[in-house]
Amino acid sequence: MTQYTKLLKSEIQGIAGNFKLDVIDYELIEQGVANSNYLIDTNEGKYVLSVFEIKPKQIGYMSKILLLLEKYDFPAPRLKNMSNGEVLAKYQEKAVLVKSYIPGQTLKNLEEGQAHQVGAALATLHEIPAPNYLSSHHTYLKKTIPWSSNKKLTGGIKNG
């Protein structure tokens, strides 16, 4: 995975200082799209520091969504506030978020029980009212199906 923004420990500490965090150690997380992620071990525990290559406005939407998920107690990373109460920082004109670290691993193939857990989480997510600021277009998605309000899908799912 490409690392877009390379940071030294002193730069990471400078950013983390805005969030009242002292960095003990850090490592690059080799996953991410249009961002660089660092796992930082701090005086308050582990966090993920993300430096984004996309427009700060888009990251503003992402932060609003994470705050909404927190409001509804949905399991997702929690944003760390800066000293001034804001969650969105800037580093060299790039948007930066610091999020709680959730340990885990990326799974490629889910077992039946895991797929059930994902489905249950999605059902819970869909119970959260969609905010009016939620965009119908996503930065990372490419439209592949020509949806239209006056067209119906044909076909269906066959059982058995």
N, C-alpha and C. Protein backbone atom coordinates (compact mmCIF):
# COMPACT_ATOMS: atom_id res chain seq x y z
N MET A 1 0.85 -1.18 0.00
CA MET A 1 0.00 0.00 0.00
C MET A 1 0.89 1.23 0.00
N THR A 2 0.47 2.23 -0.68
CA THR A 2 1.22 3.47 -0.77
C THR A 2 1.11 4.27 0.52
N GLN A 3 2.24 4.79 0.94
CA GLN A 3 2.25 5.71 2.07
C GLN A 3 2.32 7.10 1.45
N TYR A 4 1.29 7.89 1.63
CA TYR A 4 1.21 9.19 0.99
C TYR A 4 1.98 10.25 1.77
N THR A 5 1.80 10.28 3.06
CA THR A 5 2.44 11.29 3.90
C THR A 5 3.36 10.58 4.88
N LYS A 6 4.66 10.82 4.73
CA LYS A 6 5.64 10.20 5.62
C LYS A 6 5.90 11.16 6.78
N LEU A 7 5.71 10.67 7.98
CA LEU A 7 5.90 11.48 9.17
C LEU A 7 7.01 10.92 10.05
N LEU A 8 7.79 11.82 10.62
CA LEU A 8 8.78 11.46 11.63
C LEU A 8 8.09 11.46 12.99
N LYS A 9 8.72 10.84 13.98
CA LYS A 9 8.12 10.79 15.31
C LYS A 9 7.86 12.20 15.84
N SER A 10 8.77 13.14 15.59
CA SER A 10 8.56 14.51 16.07
C SER A 10 7.34 15.15 15.43
N GLU A 11 7.08 14.84 14.16
CA GLU A 11 5.89 15.38 13.48
C GLU A 11 4.61 14.73 14.03
N ILE A 12 4.67 13.43 14.27
CA ILE A 12 3.53 12.73 14.85
C ILE A 12 3.24 13.28 16.24
N GLN A 13 4.29 13.51 17.03
CA GLN A 13 4.11 14.08 18.37
C GLN A 13 3.52 15.48 18.28
N GLY A 14 3.95 16.27 17.30
CA GLY A 14 3.41 17.62 17.14
C GLY A 14 1.91 17.59 16.86
N ILE A 15 1.49 16.67 16.00
CA ILE A 15 0.06 16.53 15.69
C ILE A 15 -0.68 16.02 16.92
N ALA A 16 -0.14 14.95 17.53
CA ALA A 16 -0.80 14.34 18.70
C ALA A 16 -0.91 15.32 19.86
N GLY A 17 0.05 16.24 19.96
CA GLY A 17 0.01 17.24 21.03
C GLY A 17 -1.24 18.09 20.98
N ASN A 18 -1.78 18.32 19.77
CA ASN A 18 -3.04 19.06 19.64
C ASN A 18 -4.21 18.33 20.29
N PHE A 19 -4.05 17.01 20.45
CA PHE A 19 -5.08 16.17 21.05
C PHE A 19 -4.74 15.82 22.50
N LYS A 20 -3.76 16.53 23.07
CA LYS A 20 -3.28 16.30 24.43
C LYS A 20 -2.77 14.87 24.62
N LEU A 21 -2.07 14.37 23.63
CA LEU A 21 -1.50 13.02 23.68
C LEU A 21 0.02 13.10 23.61
N ASP A 22 0.67 12.27 24.39
CA ASP A 22 2.12 12.11 24.32
C ASP A 22 2.40 10.77 23.66
N VAL A 23 3.14 10.79 22.56
CA VAL A 23 3.42 9.58 21.80
C VAL A 23 4.59 8.82 22.43
N ILE A 24 4.35 7.56 22.73
CA ILE A 24 5.38 6.68 23.26
C ILE A 24 6.07 5.95 22.11
N ASP A 25 5.25 5.44 21.19
CA ASP A 25 5.76 4.70 20.04
C ASP A 25 4.75 4.83 18.91
N TYR A 26 5.17 4.48 17.71
CA TYR A 26 4.26 4.54 16.56
C TYR A 26 4.72 3.55 15.50
N GLU A 27 3.79 3.20 14.62
CA GLU A 27 4.14 2.38 13.46
C GLU A 27 3.15 2.69 12.34
N LEU A 28 3.63 2.55 11.13
CA LEU A 28 2.79 2.76 9.95
C LEU A 28 1.83 1.59 9.82
N ILE A 29 0.57 1.89 9.54
CA ILE A 29 -0.42 0.86 9.22
C ILE A 29 -0.45 0.78 7.70
N GLU A 30 -0.20 -0.37 7.17
CA GLU A 30 -0.04 -0.52 5.73
C GLU A 30 -1.37 -0.74 5.01
N GLN A 31 -2.42 -0.10 5.47
CA GLN A 31 -3.71 -0.17 4.79
C GLN A 31 -4.30 1.22 4.79
N GLY A 32 -5.10 1.47 3.80
CA GLY A 32 -5.76 2.76 3.69
C GLY A 32 -5.87 3.16 2.23
N VAL A 33 -6.84 3.98 1.94
CA VAL A 33 -7.04 4.48 0.59
C VAL A 33 -7.07 6.00 0.67
N ALA A 34 -6.16 6.64 -0.04
CA ALA A 34 -6.07 8.11 -0.07
C ALA A 34 -5.76 8.69 1.31
N ASN A 35 -5.06 7.89 2.14
CA ASN A 35 -4.62 8.40 3.43
C ASN A 35 -3.42 7.60 3.91
N SER A 36 -2.73 8.17 4.89
CA SER A 36 -1.66 7.46 5.59
C SER A 36 -2.10 7.30 7.03
N ASN A 37 -1.98 6.09 7.55
CA ASN A 37 -2.44 5.79 8.90
C ASN A 37 -1.27 5.34 9.76
N TYR A 38 -1.24 5.87 10.96
CA TYR A 38 -0.22 5.50 11.93
C TYR A 38 -0.89 5.02 13.21
N LEU A 39 -0.45 3.85 13.70
CA LEU A 39 -0.88 3.38 15.00
C LEU A 39 0.04 4.05 16.01
N ILE A 40 -0.55 4.84 16.89
CA ILE A 40 0.26 5.54 17.89
C ILE A 40 -0.08 5.01 19.28
N ASP A 41 0.96 4.67 20.01
CA ASP A 41 0.83 4.25 21.41
C ASP A 41 1.10 5.51 22.23
N THR A 42 0.14 5.91 23.05
CA THR A 42 0.23 7.18 23.76
C THR A 42 0.06 6.99 25.26
N ASN A 43 0.16 8.10 25.97
CA ASN A 43 -0.07 8.10 27.41
C ASN A 43 -1.51 7.73 27.77
N GLU A 44 -2.43 7.80 26.80
CA GLU A 44 -3.84 7.44 27.05
C GLU A 44 -4.24 6.13 26.39
N GLY A 45 -3.32 5.45 25.75
CA GLY A 45 -3.65 4.21 25.06
C GLY A 45 -3.33 4.33 23.58
N LYS A 46 -3.90 3.40 22.80
CA LYS A 46 -3.60 3.35 21.37
C LYS A 46 -4.67 4.08 20.55
N TYR A 47 -4.18 4.79 19.53
CA TYR A 47 -5.03 5.53 18.60
C TYR A 47 -4.51 5.33 17.19
N VAL A 48 -5.35 5.66 16.22
CA VAL A 48 -4.94 5.70 14.82
C VAL A 48 -4.95 7.16 14.39
N LEU A 49 -3.81 7.63 13.92
CA LEU A 49 -3.67 8.97 13.39
C LEU A 49 -3.72 8.85 11.87
N SER A 50 -4.71 9.48 11.24
CA SER A 50 -4.90 9.40 9.79
C SER A 50 -4.69 10.77 9.16
N VAL A 51 -3.80 10.81 8.16
CA VAL A 51 -3.55 12.02 7.37
C VAL A 51 -4.14 11.75 5.99
N PHE A 52 -5.10 12.59 5.59
CA PHE A 52 -5.88 12.33 4.37
C PHE A 52 -5.37 13.13 3.18
N GLU A 53 -5.48 12.52 2.00
CA GLU A 53 -5.10 13.16 0.75
C GLU A 53 -6.32 13.75 0.04
N ILE A 54 -7.50 13.49 0.54
CA ILE A 54 -8.71 14.04 -0.08
C ILE A 54 -9.10 15.33 0.63
N LYS A 55 -10.02 16.06 0.04
CA LYS A 55 -10.39 17.39 0.54
C LYS A 55 -10.89 17.35 1.98
N PRO A 56 -10.47 18.34 2.77
CA PRO A 56 -10.92 18.39 4.17
C PRO A 56 -12.45 18.38 4.31
N LYS A 57 -13.18 18.95 3.32
CA LYS A 57 -14.64 18.95 3.39
C LYS A 57 -15.18 17.52 3.43
N GLN A 58 -14.58 16.62 2.63
CA GLN A 58 -15.02 15.23 2.62
C GLN A 58 -14.72 14.55 3.96
N ILE A 59 -13.61 14.91 4.57
CA ILE A 59 -13.27 14.35 5.87
C ILE A 59 -14.21 14.91 6.94
N GLY A 60 -14.67 16.14 6.73
CA GLY A 60 -15.68 16.71 7.63
C GLY A 60 -16.94 15.87 7.65
N TYR A 61 -17.37 15.41 6.47
CA TYR A 61 -18.53 14.51 6.41
C TYR A 61 -18.25 13.21 7.15
N MET A 62 -17.06 12.66 6.93
CA MET A 62 -16.69 11.41 7.60
C MET A 62 -16.72 11.59 9.11
N SER A 63 -16.19 12.70 9.59
CA SER A 63 -16.16 12.91 11.04
C SER A 63 -17.58 13.08 11.58
N LYS A 64 -18.46 13.75 10.85
CA LYS A 64 -19.86 13.88 11.29
C LYS A 64 -20.53 12.51 11.40
N ILE A 65 -20.23 11.64 10.44
CA ILE A 65 -20.82 10.30 10.46
C ILE A 65 -20.30 9.51 11.65
N LEU A 66 -18.99 9.59 11.92
CA LEU A 66 -18.45 8.88 13.09
C LEU A 66 -19.05 9.42 14.39
N LEU A 67 -19.27 10.73 14.46
CA LEU A 67 -19.90 11.30 15.65
C LEU A 67 -21.35 10.85 15.78
N LEU A 68 -22.05 10.72 14.64
CA LEU A 68 -23.43 10.22 14.65
C LEU A 68 -23.46 8.78 15.15
N LEU A 69 -22.53 7.96 14.66
CA LEU A 69 -22.47 6.56 15.09
C LEU A 69 -22.20 6.47 16.59
N GLU A 70 -21.35 7.36 17.08
CA GLU A 70 -21.09 7.39 18.53
C GLU A 70 -22.35 7.77 19.30
N LYS A 71 -23.09 8.75 18.79
CA LYS A 71 -24.33 9.19 19.44
C LYS A 71 -25.31 8.03 19.60
N TYR A 72 -25.35 7.15 18.59
CA TYR A 72 -26.26 6.00 18.64
C TYR A 72 -25.57 4.75 19.18
N ASP A 73 -24.40 4.91 19.77
CA ASP A 73 -23.65 3.83 20.40
C ASP A 73 -23.38 2.67 19.45
N PHE A 74 -23.20 2.98 18.17
CA PHE A 74 -22.85 1.96 17.18
C PHE A 74 -21.35 1.69 17.28
N PRO A 75 -20.94 0.42 17.25
CA PRO A 75 -19.51 0.11 17.39
C PRO A 75 -18.69 0.58 16.19
N ALA A 76 -17.95 1.64 16.41
CA ALA A 76 -17.09 2.25 15.38
C ALA A 76 -16.00 3.02 16.11
N PRO A 77 -14.92 3.37 15.42
CA PRO A 77 -13.88 4.17 16.10
C PRO A 77 -14.46 5.47 16.64
N ARG A 78 -13.98 5.89 17.78
CA ARG A 78 -14.39 7.15 18.40
C ARG A 78 -13.34 8.20 18.10
N LEU A 79 -13.79 9.37 17.72
CA LEU A 79 -12.87 10.47 17.42
C LEU A 79 -12.36 11.10 18.69
N LYS A 80 -11.10 11.45 18.69
CA LYS A 80 -10.47 12.15 19.81
C LYS A 80 -10.59 13.64 19.54
N ASN A 81 -11.00 14.40 20.55
CA ASN A 81 -11.09 15.86 20.44
C ASN A 81 -9.74 16.51 20.68
N MET A 82 -9.53 17.61 19.99
CA MET A 82 -8.36 18.44 20.26
C MET A 82 -8.65 19.29 21.49
N SER A 83 -7.65 20.03 21.91
CA SER A 83 -7.79 20.91 23.08
C SER A 83 -8.93 21.90 22.91
N ASN A 84 -9.18 22.34 21.66
CA ASN A 84 -10.23 23.33 21.39
C ASN A 84 -11.61 22.70 21.18
N GLY A 85 -11.72 21.37 21.35
CA GLY A 85 -13.00 20.69 21.20
C GLY A 85 -13.28 20.17 19.80
N GLU A 86 -12.51 20.62 18.83
CA GLU A 86 -12.70 20.16 17.44
C GLU A 86 -12.09 18.78 17.27
N VAL A 87 -12.53 18.06 16.24
CA VAL A 87 -11.99 16.73 15.96
C VAL A 87 -11.11 16.72 14.71
N LEU A 88 -11.30 17.70 13.84
CA LEU A 88 -10.59 17.74 12.57
C LEU A 88 -9.41 18.70 12.66
N ALA A 89 -8.21 18.15 12.53
CA ALA A 89 -6.99 18.95 12.57
C ALA A 89 -6.45 19.08 11.14
N LYS A 90 -5.44 19.92 10.99
CA LYS A 90 -4.76 20.06 9.69
C LYS A 90 -3.27 19.93 9.91
N TYR A 91 -2.62 19.28 8.95
CA TYR A 91 -1.16 19.18 8.92
C TYR A 91 -0.74 19.43 7.49
N GLN A 92 0.02 20.48 7.26
CA GLN A 92 0.45 20.87 5.91
C GLN A 92 -0.73 20.88 4.94
N GLU A 93 -1.81 21.53 5.34
CA GLU A 93 -3.04 21.68 4.55
C GLU A 93 -3.78 20.37 4.29
N LYS A 94 -3.43 19.32 5.00
CA LYS A 94 -4.12 18.04 4.88
C LYS A 94 -4.95 17.80 6.13
N ALA A 95 -6.12 17.18 5.95
CA ALA A 95 -7.00 16.87 7.07
C ALA A 95 -6.43 15.72 7.88
N VAL A 96 -6.58 15.80 9.20
CA VAL A 96 -6.08 14.79 10.12
C VAL A 96 -7.16 14.46 11.14
N LEU A 97 -7.38 13.17 11.36
CA LEU A 97 -8.25 12.70 12.43
C LEU A 97 -7.46 11.74 13.31
N VAL A 98 -7.77 11.75 14.60
CA VAL A 98 -7.23 10.78 15.53
C VAL A 98 -8.42 9.99 16.07
N LYS A 99 -8.37 8.68 15.86
CA LYS A 99 -9.48 7.80 16.22
C LYS A 99 -9.01 6.74 17.20
N SER A 100 -9.92 6.27 18.03
CA SER A 100 -9.59 5.17 18.92
C SER A 100 -9.18 3.96 18.09
N TYR A 101 -8.27 3.20 18.63
CA TYR A 101 -7.79 1.99 17.95
C TYR A 101 -8.66 0.82 18.37
N ILE A 102 -9.14 0.08 17.38
CA ILE A 102 -9.92 -1.13 17.64
C ILE A 102 -9.08 -2.31 17.15
N PRO A 103 -8.58 -3.12 18.08
CA PRO A 103 -7.76 -4.26 17.65
C PRO A 103 -8.58 -5.26 16.86
N GLY A 104 -7.94 -5.90 15.92
CA GLY A 104 -8.62 -6.91 15.12
C GLY A 104 -7.78 -7.27 13.92
N GLN A 105 -8.40 -7.94 12.99
CA GLN A 105 -7.72 -8.34 11.77
C GLN A 105 -8.69 -8.29 10.61
N THR A 106 -8.14 -8.20 9.42
CA THR A 106 -8.93 -8.21 8.21
C THR A 106 -9.16 -9.65 7.80
N LEU A 107 -10.41 -10.02 7.61
CA LEU A 107 -10.76 -11.38 7.20
C LEU A 107 -11.19 -11.37 5.74
N LYS A 108 -10.71 -12.33 4.98
CA LYS A 108 -11.09 -12.43 3.57
C LYS A 108 -12.30 -13.33 3.38
N ASN A 109 -12.40 -14.37 4.17
CA ASN A 109 -13.51 -15.31 4.07
C ASN A 109 -14.17 -15.43 5.43
N LEU A 110 -15.45 -15.13 5.47
CA LEU A 110 -16.19 -15.20 6.73
C LEU A 110 -16.84 -16.57 6.91
N GLU A 111 -16.80 -17.04 8.13
CA GLU A 111 -17.55 -18.24 8.47
C GLU A 111 -19.00 -17.84 8.66
N GLU A 112 -19.89 -18.81 8.69
CA GLU A 112 -21.33 -18.53 8.78
C GLU A 112 -21.67 -17.65 9.98
N GLY A 113 -21.11 -17.96 11.14
CA GLY A 113 -21.39 -17.17 12.34
C GLY A 113 -20.89 -15.74 12.21
N GLN A 114 -19.74 -15.56 11.58
CA GLN A 114 -19.20 -14.22 11.39
C GLN A 114 -20.07 -13.43 10.41
N ALA A 115 -20.53 -14.10 9.35
CA ALA A 115 -21.42 -13.43 8.38
C ALA A 115 -22.72 -13.00 9.07
N HIS A 116 -23.22 -13.82 9.99
CA HIS A 116 -24.43 -13.47 10.74
C HIS A 116 -24.17 -12.23 11.60
N GLN A 117 -23.01 -12.15 12.23
CA GLN A 117 -22.66 -10.98 13.05
C GLN A 117 -22.59 -9.72 12.19
N VAL A 118 -22.01 -9.83 11.01
CA VAL A 118 -21.93 -8.68 10.11
C VAL A 118 -23.33 -8.25 9.69
N GLY A 119 -24.17 -9.21 9.36
CA GLY A 119 -25.54 -8.90 8.98
C GLY A 119 -26.31 -8.22 10.09
N ALA A 120 -26.13 -8.71 11.32
CA ALA A 120 -26.81 -8.11 12.47
C ALA A 120 -26.32 -6.67 12.69
N ALA A 121 -25.01 -6.44 12.52
CA ALA A 121 -24.46 -5.09 12.67
C ALA A 121 -25.01 -4.17 11.59
N LEU A 122 -25.11 -4.67 10.37
CA LEU A 122 -25.68 -3.85 9.28
C LEU A 122 -27.14 -3.52 9.55
N ALA A 123 -27.88 -4.47 10.09
CA ALA A 123 -29.29 -4.21 10.41
C ALA A 123 -29.38 -3.10 11.46
N THR A 124 -28.52 -3.16 12.46
CA THR A 124 -28.49 -2.12 13.50
C THR A 124 -28.11 -0.77 12.90
N LEU A 125 -27.14 -0.78 12.01
CA LEU A 125 -26.71 0.45 11.34
C LEU A 125 -27.86 1.09 10.56
N HIS A 126 -28.64 0.25 9.88
CA HIS A 126 -29.75 0.78 9.08
C HIS A 126 -30.91 1.30 9.92
N GLU A 127 -30.90 1.04 11.22
CA GLU A 127 -31.92 1.60 12.11
C GLU A 127 -31.59 3.04 12.51
N ILE A 128 -30.35 3.46 12.28
CA ILE A 128 -29.95 4.84 12.61
C ILE A 128 -30.49 5.76 11.53
N PRO A 129 -31.20 6.81 11.91
CA PRO A 129 -31.76 7.73 10.91
C PRO A 129 -30.63 8.37 10.08
N ALA A 130 -30.81 8.39 8.78
CA ALA A 130 -29.82 8.99 7.88
C ALA A 130 -29.86 10.51 8.05
N PRO A 131 -28.72 11.14 8.29
CA PRO A 131 -28.70 12.59 8.44
C PRO A 131 -28.87 13.28 7.09
N ASN A 132 -29.36 14.51 7.12
CA ASN A 132 -29.61 15.22 5.86
C ASN A 132 -28.33 15.61 5.13
N TYR A 133 -27.19 15.59 5.80
CA TYR A 133 -25.93 15.94 5.17
C TYR A 133 -25.26 14.74 4.49
N LEU A 134 -25.83 13.56 4.62
CA LEU A 134 -25.24 12.37 4.04
C LEU A 134 -25.32 12.44 2.52
N SER A 135 -24.18 12.31 1.88
CA SER A 135 -24.11 12.39 0.43
C SER A 135 -24.59 11.09 -0.20
N SER A 136 -25.15 11.19 -1.39
CA SER A 136 -25.57 9.99 -2.12
C SER A 136 -24.41 9.45 -2.96
N HIS A 137 -23.30 10.17 -3.00
CA HIS A 137 -22.12 9.74 -3.75
C HIS A 137 -20.97 9.52 -2.77
N HIS A 138 -20.22 8.48 -2.99
CA HIS A 138 -19.08 8.17 -2.13
C HIS A 138 -17.80 8.35 -2.92
N THR A 139 -16.81 8.93 -2.30
CA THR A 139 -15.53 9.22 -2.94
C THR A 139 -14.89 8.00 -3.57
N TYR A 140 -15.00 6.85 -2.91
CA TYR A 140 -14.28 5.67 -3.36
C TYR A 140 -15.09 4.73 -4.24
N LEU A 141 -16.37 5.01 -4.42
CA LEU A 141 -17.21 4.10 -5.19
C LEU A 141 -17.40 4.59 -6.61
N LYS A 142 -17.43 3.66 -7.52
CA LYS A 142 -17.69 3.97 -8.92
C LYS A 142 -19.09 3.45 -9.23
N LYS A 143 -19.89 4.29 -9.83
CA LYS A 143 -21.24 3.91 -10.17
C LYS A 143 -21.20 2.87 -11.29
N THR A 144 -21.75 1.69 -11.03
CA THR A 144 -21.70 0.63 -12.02
C THR A 144 -23.08 0.20 -12.50
N ILE A 145 -24.12 0.55 -11.78
CA ILE A 145 -25.48 0.19 -12.17
C ILE A 145 -26.24 1.48 -12.45
N PRO A 146 -26.83 1.60 -13.62
CA PRO A 146 -27.56 2.83 -13.95
C PRO A 146 -28.90 2.90 -13.22
N TRP A 147 -28.88 3.34 -11.96
CA TRP A 147 -30.10 3.43 -11.17
C TRP A 147 -30.93 4.61 -11.63
N SER A 148 -32.20 4.43 -11.60
CA SER A 148 -33.13 5.50 -11.94
C SER A 148 -34.40 5.26 -11.14
N SER A 149 -35.02 6.34 -10.73
CA SER A 149 -36.22 6.19 -9.90
C SER A 149 -37.39 5.59 -10.67
N ASN A 150 -37.35 5.63 -12.02
CA ASN A 150 -38.48 5.08 -12.78
C ASN A 150 -38.18 3.73 -13.39
N LYS A 151 -37.05 3.12 -13.04
CA LYS A 151 -36.73 1.79 -13.56
C LYS A 151 -36.84 0.76 -12.44
N LYS A 152 -37.26 -0.43 -12.82
CA LYS A 152 -37.36 -1.51 -11.85
C LYS A 152 -36.30 -2.57 -12.20
N LEU A 153 -35.78 -3.20 -11.16
CA LEU A 153 -34.88 -4.32 -11.40
C LEU A 153 -35.69 -5.52 -11.81
N THR A 154 -35.14 -6.31 -12.72
CA THR A 154 -35.82 -7.53 -13.11
C THR A 154 -35.02 -8.71 -12.58
N GLY A 155 -35.64 -9.82 -12.50
CA GLY A 155 -34.97 -11.01 -11.98
C GLY A 155 -35.18 -11.09 -10.48
N GLY A 156 -34.55 -12.03 -9.88
CA GLY A 156 -34.71 -12.17 -8.45
C GLY A 156 -33.78 -13.24 -7.91
N ILE A 157 -33.95 -13.52 -6.67
CA ILE A 157 -33.14 -14.52 -6.01
C ILE A 157 -33.96 -15.80 -5.94
N LYS A 158 -33.38 -16.87 -6.39
CA LYS A 158 -34.08 -18.16 -6.33
C LYS A 158 -33.67 -18.90 -5.08
N ASN A 159 -34.63 -19.48 -4.43
CA ASN A 159 -34.38 -20.23 -3.22
C ASN A 159 -34.34 -21.72 -3.56
N GLY A 160 -33.21 -22.35 -3.22
CA GLY A 160 -33.09 -23.79 -3.37
C GLY A 160 -32.83 -24.19 -4.74
